[in-house]
Each structure stands twice: as C-alpha cells, then as structure tokens.
C-alpha cells in the first residue's frame, strides 16, 4: 500500500500543503493550525486534571464535585454523541432550531474543535474506514503505511490530531457551509470550551461558595473533559480493535459493550459502520443505546422527526450476508 501511495503522490505532483488525495490536505498552514488548536484543547484540561487529582488527594471528593462531574459529563457527552455525531454528521433525524442549537452548543463544549471540523473529519473516516485516507485508523497512517499493535492504537486514539493531514470542507462538508447554525457554532467555537469550564465553576459557587467553585471547575470541568476526551477517542482506537463483529464489512469496526455504556450507545460501532445514518446504534434489546432512547422520546413529543430507522429484514440480511472479514498486519 505504501508503494501505491507514493506512486499516487508522484503522479499528481504532490507537494506539502496541496490537496493530495480525495480531499485530504498534506502539510501547510492548516496542519500547523490543527496542531496548535489540538494542543490547546487537549493541554488545558489535561493540566487542570493533574491539579484536580492532586486536589482530590488532599481534600477528597465532595458531593458538589461529583455532581458537577456527572451532570456536565452527561450533557456534554450527549452533545457529542447525539449532536455532533448522529445529528450534524449523519442527519439521522430532523429537529427544531432550539434542540439543534442545544445539541451543537453542548457538543462544542467537548473541547474537540468546531462543529464543522468535527463533522468533516468524521465523514472522511466513513469514506475511507481503515484504509488510506482514514482520519484515525489503528491500521494505517495518513500515507497508507500499515500500522499495528500499540503504535497503531495510540495513533488512532490521539496521534492523528497531531499529524500533517487536514480534511477539505469542499469534499466532505457538502451543505455545511450553507448551514447557518453550523457556521455560527464554528465561528464561535472558542467560546464554548470557556463556557464548558465556567458552568461547573458557577455550579460550585451557587451550591458551595468560592472554594467549591474552584473545585468544581477542576473536577467537573477539566477532569470531566479529559475523561470524556479519552472515552470518545476510544471509539476510534479500541472500537476498531477490540469487541464483536456482527456485520462483516471489510473494516475493523467493533461493537464494544463498555464503550457503549460510557458513550451512551456510540460503542456499537460495528453496527454504526454498517448503517451509518441509522438513528439507533443499538440494533437489539441487549444493546443499550441511551442516545437512541432519547431520540425516541423526543420524537414522541414532536421535537424530532424524520428519524432514520433500518428495517429488521435489512438488518438480518446484512447480518447473514457473506461479507469480507477485515484483514490487517
């Protein structure tokens, strides 16, 4: 594969900073900006998390701290999985402007960059799953060189955010630049991480005063963000390496029960890759999918509609189809 990529690069007069393959930019200013932004978005909560752990070792964990952690993990986690993923990336349902704004706002508080960037990176992942062009595969790097073992796992988990590739919005962002909400949230994307820390601070202040406010900021803000970061990244790494494979698709996506619990249902990743637009990633009663359950409840009250459901016969046909198993080094 590596030789093929080099031939492709030579055939199109590859230069750093140019669009080299299927809407993927290599090098240039966009890659520098990507690395700087991700360093800030990962580094600030990580430093705060270290301070939070030291603080807990001295002062323990108060009820206010625990409440702030769980409440904001829930809302920001749902904003990521239900908002950035199922709504903005896949349009698995339609909803009201207010619900769409709330989903986008909470998703933007996840310290994972702008809505626009999140969506186009995710769409690129689906277009080139576990092959040359994938954003974050544990099996191949941006040049199509095979990876494996711990190195590949770490690349899919974290390393891809610091590589030299960026995604072309013209190729993977069809319609997004005309979406006023997406563009507003993306233009203001630095405001939302600030709010993501300010809200736990205010929560702690209201219920416990200034000392509780700083503690809630560290634990319900920074530590919560770092934990959620690693949970979401685990879908990209662990979710393509460890778990069950209900549908043979020729990629490494897996269903993982523990990741599904922590992501409110997004850990049924093999299901999702088989039916990307499905509003429901849990396709059986034993596959817990809180995101899907919430969509059903919102639909019942008329707050979402045009919910994408996959007919049972189509699911069974895909399950029994003689698809190709994924092979890797």
Protein backbone atom coordinates (compact mmCIF):
# COMPACT_ATOMS: atom_id res chain seq x y z
CA UNK A 1 0.00 0.00 0.00
CA UNK A 2 2.84 2.39 0.83
CA UNK A 3 4.32 1.99 -2.67
CA UNK A 4 0.90 2.68 -4.19
CA UNK A 5 0.56 5.89 -2.18
CA UNK A 6 3.98 7.11 -3.27
CA UNK A 7 3.06 6.43 -6.91
CA UNK A 8 -0.16 8.41 -6.44
CA UNK A 9 1.77 11.28 -4.87
CA UNK A 10 4.28 11.38 -7.74
CA UNK A 11 1.54 11.16 -10.37
CA UNK A 12 -0.17 14.29 -9.08
CA UNK A 13 2.99 16.26 -8.35
CA UNK A 14 2.43 16.01 -4.61
CA UNK A 15 3.63 18.98 -2.59
CA UNK A 16 3.09 19.68 1.13
CA UNK A 17 0.04 21.86 1.59
CA UNK A 18 -1.67 20.66 -1.57
CA UNK A 19 -4.80 18.54 -1.81
CA UNK A 20 -3.10 15.23 -2.44
CA UNK A 21 -5.84 12.64 -2.36
CA UNK A 22 -9.62 12.71 -2.19
CA UNK A 23 -9.95 15.96 -0.29
CA UNK A 24 -7.08 15.35 2.11
CA UNK A 25 -4.52 18.15 2.54
CA UNK A 26 -0.96 17.27 3.48
CA UNK A 27 1.07 19.83 5.43
CA UNK A 28 0.88 23.58 5.05
CA UNK A 29 -0.67 26.20 7.33
CA UNK A 30 -3.88 24.20 8.01
CA UNK A 31 -1.84 21.38 9.55
CA UNK A 32 0.05 23.84 11.77
CA UNK A 33 -3.23 25.39 12.93
CA UNK A 34 -4.64 21.94 13.61
CA UNK A 35 -1.71 21.02 15.84
CA UNK A 36 -1.83 24.30 17.76
CA UNK A 37 -5.59 24.10 18.33
CA UNK A 38 -5.45 20.49 19.47
CA UNK A 39 -2.53 21.24 21.78
CA UNK A 40 -4.64 23.91 23.48
CA UNK A 41 -7.87 21.90 23.55
CA UNK A 42 -6.16 18.83 24.99
CA UNK A 43 -3.46 20.52 27.06
CA UNK A 44 -5.55 22.93 29.16
CA UNK A 45 -7.98 20.33 30.57
CA UNK A 46 -5.13 17.83 30.96
CA UNK A 47 -3.11 20.23 33.11
CA UNK A 48 -6.27 21.01 35.07
CA UNK A 49 -6.89 17.28 35.51
CA UNK A 50 -3.46 16.79 37.09
CA UNK A 51 -4.23 19.63 39.51
CA UNK A 52 -7.69 18.11 40.14
CA UNK A 53 -6.20 14.74 41.07
CA UNK A 54 -3.73 16.40 43.44
CA UNK A 55 -6.59 18.43 44.92
CA UNK A 56 -8.69 15.30 45.49
CA UNK A 57 -5.75 13.56 47.15
CA UNK A 58 -5.68 16.37 49.74
CA UNK A 59 -9.34 17.34 50.07
CA UNK A 60 -11.29 14.33 48.87
CA UNK A 61 -14.28 14.36 46.54
CA UNK A 62 -17.30 16.37 47.67
CA UNK A 63 -20.89 15.80 46.60
CA UNK A 64 -20.74 19.09 44.69
CA UNK A 65 -17.64 17.91 42.81
CA UNK A 66 -19.20 14.56 41.95
CA UNK A 67 -22.47 16.19 40.88
CA UNK A 68 -20.65 18.68 38.65
CA UNK A 69 -18.64 15.88 37.05
CA UNK A 70 -21.67 13.67 36.33
CA UNK A 71 -24.04 16.45 35.21
CA UNK A 72 -21.63 18.01 32.73
CA UNK A 73 -20.35 14.63 31.55
CA UNK A 74 -23.97 13.78 30.72
CA UNK A 75 -24.81 16.99 28.88
CA UNK A 76 -21.53 17.39 27.01
CA UNK A 77 -21.40 13.65 26.28
CA UNK A 78 -24.88 13.77 24.78
CA UNK A 79 -23.94 16.90 22.84
CA UNK A 80 -21.05 14.97 21.33
CA UNK A 81 -22.78 11.65 20.58
CA UNK A 82 -26.31 12.82 19.87
CA UNK A 83 -25.39 16.23 18.47
CA UNK A 84 -22.05 16.23 16.68
CA UNK A 85 -22.33 12.60 15.66
CA UNK A 86 -25.89 11.49 14.96
CA UNK A 87 -27.40 14.87 14.08
CA UNK A 88 -24.74 17.05 12.47
CA UNK A 89 -22.56 14.32 10.91
CA UNK A 90 -25.21 11.84 9.76
CA UNK A 91 -28.53 13.73 9.88
CA UNK A 92 -30.16 10.71 11.46
CA UNK A 93 -33.15 12.87 12.37
CA UNK A 94 -34.53 16.38 11.95
CA UNK A 95 -35.30 18.61 14.89
CA UNK A 96 -36.30 22.11 15.97
CA UNK A 97 -33.84 25.02 15.80
CA UNK A 98 -33.73 25.19 19.60
CA UNK A 99 -32.89 21.49 20.04
CA UNK A 100 -30.32 21.69 17.23
CA UNK A 101 -28.68 24.69 18.90
CA UNK A 102 -28.54 22.97 22.29
CA UNK A 103 -27.04 19.82 20.78
CA UNK A 104 -24.45 21.85 18.89
CA UNK A 105 -23.63 24.06 21.86
CA UNK A 106 -23.09 21.18 24.28
CA UNK A 107 -21.13 19.29 21.63
CA UNK A 108 -18.94 22.35 21.13
CA UNK A 109 -18.19 22.32 24.87
CA UNK A 110 -16.36 18.99 24.48
CA UNK A 111 -13.01 20.64 23.66
CA UNK A 112 -12.95 18.79 20.32
CA UNK A 113 -12.81 21.72 17.93
CA UNK A 114 -15.50 23.27 15.79
CA UNK A 115 -18.67 21.52 14.65
CA UNK A 116 -17.57 21.95 11.03
CA UNK A 117 -14.17 20.33 11.59
CA UNK A 118 -15.64 17.50 13.70
CA UNK A 119 -18.22 16.63 11.06
CA UNK A 120 -15.95 16.66 8.01
CA UNK A 121 -13.30 14.59 9.80
CA UNK A 122 -15.95 12.05 10.76
CA UNK A 123 -17.37 11.87 7.25
CA UNK A 124 -13.88 11.30 5.90
CA UNK A 125 -13.47 8.45 8.39
CA UNK A 126 -16.58 6.77 6.98
CA UNK A 127 -15.43 7.30 3.40
CA UNK A 128 -12.08 5.57 3.98
CA UNK A 129 -12.56 3.36 7.01
CA UNK A 130 -9.32 1.61 7.96
CA UNK A 131 -7.68 2.31 4.61
CA UNK A 132 -5.54 5.01 3.05
CA UNK A 133 -7.38 8.28 3.68
CA UNK A 134 -8.89 7.39 7.06
CA UNK A 135 -8.54 10.13 9.66
CA UNK A 136 -7.81 7.86 12.60
CA UNK A 137 -7.28 4.19 11.85
CA UNK A 138 -5.23 1.91 14.13
CA UNK A 139 -4.15 0.02 10.99
CA UNK A 140 -2.86 2.64 8.52
CA UNK A 141 -1.22 6.06 8.75
CA UNK A 142 -2.01 9.09 6.53
CA UNK A 143 0.25 7.73 3.78
CA UNK A 144 -1.31 4.29 3.77
CA UNK A 145 1.60 2.66 5.57
CA UNK A 146 0.42 -0.26 7.67
CA UNK A 147 0.38 0.17 11.42
CA UNK A 148 -0.33 -2.30 14.14
CA UNK A 149 -0.04 -3.09 17.82
CA UNK A 150 0.29 -0.34 20.40
CA UNK A 151 1.66 2.19 17.92
CA UNK A 152 -1.42 1.97 15.72
CA UNK A 153 -3.73 2.07 18.72
CA UNK A 154 -2.10 5.23 20.07
CA UNK A 155 -2.22 6.87 16.65
CA UNK A 156 -5.98 6.23 16.33
CA UNK A 157 -6.54 7.36 19.91
CA UNK A 158 -4.52 10.56 19.97
CA UNK A 159 -1.72 10.79 17.42
CA UNK A 160 -3.92 11.63 14.43
CA UNK A 161 -4.70 15.02 15.96
CA UNK A 162 -1.05 16.00 15.52
CA UNK A 163 -0.29 14.53 12.09
CA UNK A 164 0.15 16.58 8.91
CA UNK A 165 -3.27 15.96 7.33
CA UNK A 166 -6.40 18.09 7.28
CA UNK A 167 -9.76 17.47 5.65
CA UNK A 168 -11.13 19.52 2.75
CA UNK A 169 -14.51 21.01 3.63
CA UNK A 170 -15.43 21.24 -0.06
CA UNK A 171 -15.19 17.47 -0.41
CA UNK A 172 -16.57 16.26 2.92
CA UNK A 173 -18.71 19.18 4.04
CA UNK A 174 -21.49 19.17 1.45
CA UNK A 175 -24.10 21.72 2.53
CA UNK A 176 -22.42 22.58 5.82
CA UNK A 177 -21.12 25.99 4.75
CA UNK A 178 -24.72 26.98 3.97
CA UNK A 179 -25.95 25.79 7.37
CA UNK A 180 -26.20 28.96 9.45
CA UNK A 181 -26.16 27.13 12.78
CA UNK A 182 -23.11 25.03 11.91
CA UNK A 183 -21.22 28.11 10.74
CA UNK A 184 -22.24 30.19 13.78
CA UNK A 185 -21.12 27.47 16.19
CA UNK A 186 -17.90 27.03 14.23
CA UNK A 187 -17.09 30.75 14.10
CA UNK A 188 -17.61 30.96 17.87
CA UNK A 189 -16.01 27.61 18.68
CA UNK A 190 -13.51 29.05 21.19
CA UNK A 191 -16.34 30.46 23.32
CA UNK A 192 -17.85 27.05 24.09
CA UNK A 193 -14.81 25.48 25.80
CA UNK A 194 -14.66 28.55 28.05
CA UNK A 195 -18.31 28.01 28.95
CA UNK A 196 -17.55 24.33 29.49
CA UNK A 197 -15.31 25.36 32.39
CA UNK A 198 -17.29 28.40 33.52
CA UNK A 199 -20.55 26.49 34.04
CA UNK A 200 -19.10 23.98 36.56
CA UNK A 201 -17.45 26.92 38.33
CA UNK A 202 -20.84 28.68 38.61
CA UNK A 203 -22.46 25.42 39.72
CA UNK A 204 -19.93 25.04 42.53
CA UNK A 205 -20.24 28.69 43.54
CA UNK A 206 -24.04 28.54 43.80
CA UNK A 207 -24.05 25.43 45.96
CA UNK A 208 -20.87 25.86 48.00
CA UNK A 209 -19.17 29.22 47.60
CA UNK A 210 -15.84 30.21 46.11
CA UNK A 211 -13.80 27.19 47.27
CA UNK A 212 -16.41 24.78 45.91
CA UNK A 213 -16.44 26.76 42.66
CA UNK A 214 -12.73 26.21 42.00
CA UNK A 215 -13.01 22.57 42.99
CA UNK A 216 -15.98 22.05 40.66
CA UNK A 217 -14.09 23.76 37.83
CA UNK A 218 -11.17 21.36 38.26
CA UNK A 219 -13.23 18.19 38.67
CA UNK A 220 -16.46 18.97 36.82
CA UNK A 221 -14.64 20.97 34.16
CA UNK A 222 -11.07 19.85 33.48
CA UNK A 223 -11.12 16.26 34.74
CA UNK A 224 -14.52 15.61 33.16
CA UNK A 225 -13.24 16.92 29.83
CA UNK A 226 -10.12 14.74 29.90
CA UNK A 227 -12.14 11.65 30.80
CA UNK A 228 -14.67 12.36 28.05
CA UNK A 229 -11.85 13.00 25.59
CA UNK A 230 -10.45 9.54 26.19
CA UNK A 231 -13.88 7.92 26.07
CA UNK A 232 -14.64 9.47 22.67
CA UNK A 233 -11.15 8.69 21.35
CA UNK A 234 -11.62 5.08 22.48
CA UNK A 235 -14.32 4.67 19.85
CA UNK A 236 -11.67 5.42 17.22
CA UNK A 237 -8.98 3.19 18.74
CA UNK A 238 -10.45 0.42 20.90
CA UNK A 239 -13.66 0.49 18.85
CA UNK A 240 -11.68 -0.59 15.80
CA UNK A 241 -9.59 -3.22 17.57
CA UNK A 242 -11.47 -4.94 20.42
CA UNK A 243 -15.04 -6.26 20.50
CA UNK A 244 -17.54 -8.25 18.49
CA UNK A 245 -18.24 -8.04 14.77
CA UNK A 246 -21.92 -8.52 13.95
CA UNK A 247 -21.53 -7.40 10.35
CA UNK A 248 -18.63 -8.35 8.06
CA UNK A 249 -17.77 -5.13 6.22
CA UNK A 250 -14.11 -5.34 5.37
CA UNK A 251 -13.12 -2.84 8.10
CA UNK A 252 -12.02 -3.12 11.71
CA UNK A 253 -15.08 -1.60 13.42
CA UNK A 254 -16.22 -3.47 16.53
CA UNK A 255 -19.13 -3.48 18.96
CA UNK A 256 -17.83 -2.83 22.48
CA UNK A 257 -20.21 -3.01 25.44
CA UNK A 258 -18.10 -0.92 27.83
CA UNK A 259 -17.53 1.89 25.33
CA UNK A 260 -21.25 1.82 24.55
CA UNK A 261 -22.04 2.41 28.23
CA UNK A 262 -19.63 5.34 28.50
CA UNK A 263 -20.76 6.95 25.22
CA UNK A 264 -24.49 6.40 25.77
CA UNK A 265 -24.63 3.97 22.84
CA UNK A 266 -21.92 5.00 20.39
CA UNK A 267 -19.82 1.97 21.27
CA UNK A 268 -21.95 -0.24 18.99
CA UNK A 269 -19.51 0.86 16.34
CA UNK A 270 -19.70 -2.14 14.02
CA UNK A 271 -23.47 -1.63 13.82
CA UNK A 272 -22.92 2.05 13.09
CA UNK A 273 -20.49 1.43 10.25
CA UNK A 274 -22.94 -0.97 8.65
CA UNK A 275 -25.81 1.54 8.90
CA UNK A 276 -24.18 4.99 9.29
CA UNK A 277 -27.38 7.05 9.03
CA UNK A 278 -29.36 4.96 11.49
CA UNK A 279 -30.53 6.98 14.48
CA UNK A 280 -30.11 3.82 16.55
CA UNK A 281 -26.72 2.17 17.03
CA UNK A 282 -28.07 -0.48 19.37
CA UNK A 283 -29.88 -2.83 17.00
CA UNK A 284 -31.15 -5.34 19.55
CA UNK A 285 -32.72 -5.21 23.01
CA UNK A 286 -29.44 -6.23 24.67
CA UNK A 287 -27.52 -3.36 23.04
CA UNK A 288 -28.07 -0.41 25.37
CA UNK A 289 -28.40 2.83 23.42
CA UNK A 290 -29.33 5.83 25.56
CA UNK A 291 -28.92 8.18 22.59
CA UNK A 292 -31.43 6.14 20.60
CA UNK A 293 -33.84 6.04 23.54
CA UNK A 294 -33.68 9.84 23.85
CA UNK A 295 -34.37 10.25 20.14
CA UNK A 296 -37.46 8.07 20.56
CA UNK A 297 -38.69 10.19 23.49
CA UNK A 298 -38.09 13.44 21.64
CA UNK A 299 -39.93 12.03 18.65
CA UNK A 300 -42.88 11.12 20.87
CA UNK A 301 -43.22 14.77 21.88
CA UNK A 302 -42.83 16.04 18.32
CA UNK A 303 -39.38 17.54 18.93
CA UNK A 304 -37.64 15.34 16.35
CA UNK A 305 -38.96 13.77 13.16
CA UNK A 306 -37.76 12.01 10.00
CA UNK A 307 -35.94 9.58 12.28
CA UNK A 308 -33.86 7.13 10.22
CA UNK A 309 -34.78 3.55 11.11
CA UNK A 310 -33.35 0.44 9.46
CA UNK A 311 -35.99 -2.24 8.70
CA UNK A 312 -35.48 -5.52 10.54
CA UNK A 313 -35.29 -7.56 7.36
CA UNK A 314 -32.47 -5.36 6.09
CA UNK A 315 -30.57 -5.81 9.37
CA UNK A 316 -30.95 -9.58 9.20
CA UNK A 317 -29.89 -9.64 5.57
CA UNK A 318 -26.74 -7.70 6.43
CA UNK A 319 -26.05 -9.95 9.41
CA UNK A 320 -26.24 -13.14 7.35
CA UNK A 321 -24.54 -11.75 4.24
CA UNK A 322 -21.21 -13.30 3.33
CA UNK A 323 -19.21 -10.13 3.79
CA UNK A 324 -15.43 -9.98 3.88
CA UNK A 325 -13.64 -10.19 7.20
CA UNK A 326 -11.14 -7.44 7.86
CA UNK A 327 -7.52 -8.49 7.47
CA UNK A 328 -4.59 -6.45 8.72
CA UNK A 329 -0.95 -6.84 9.54
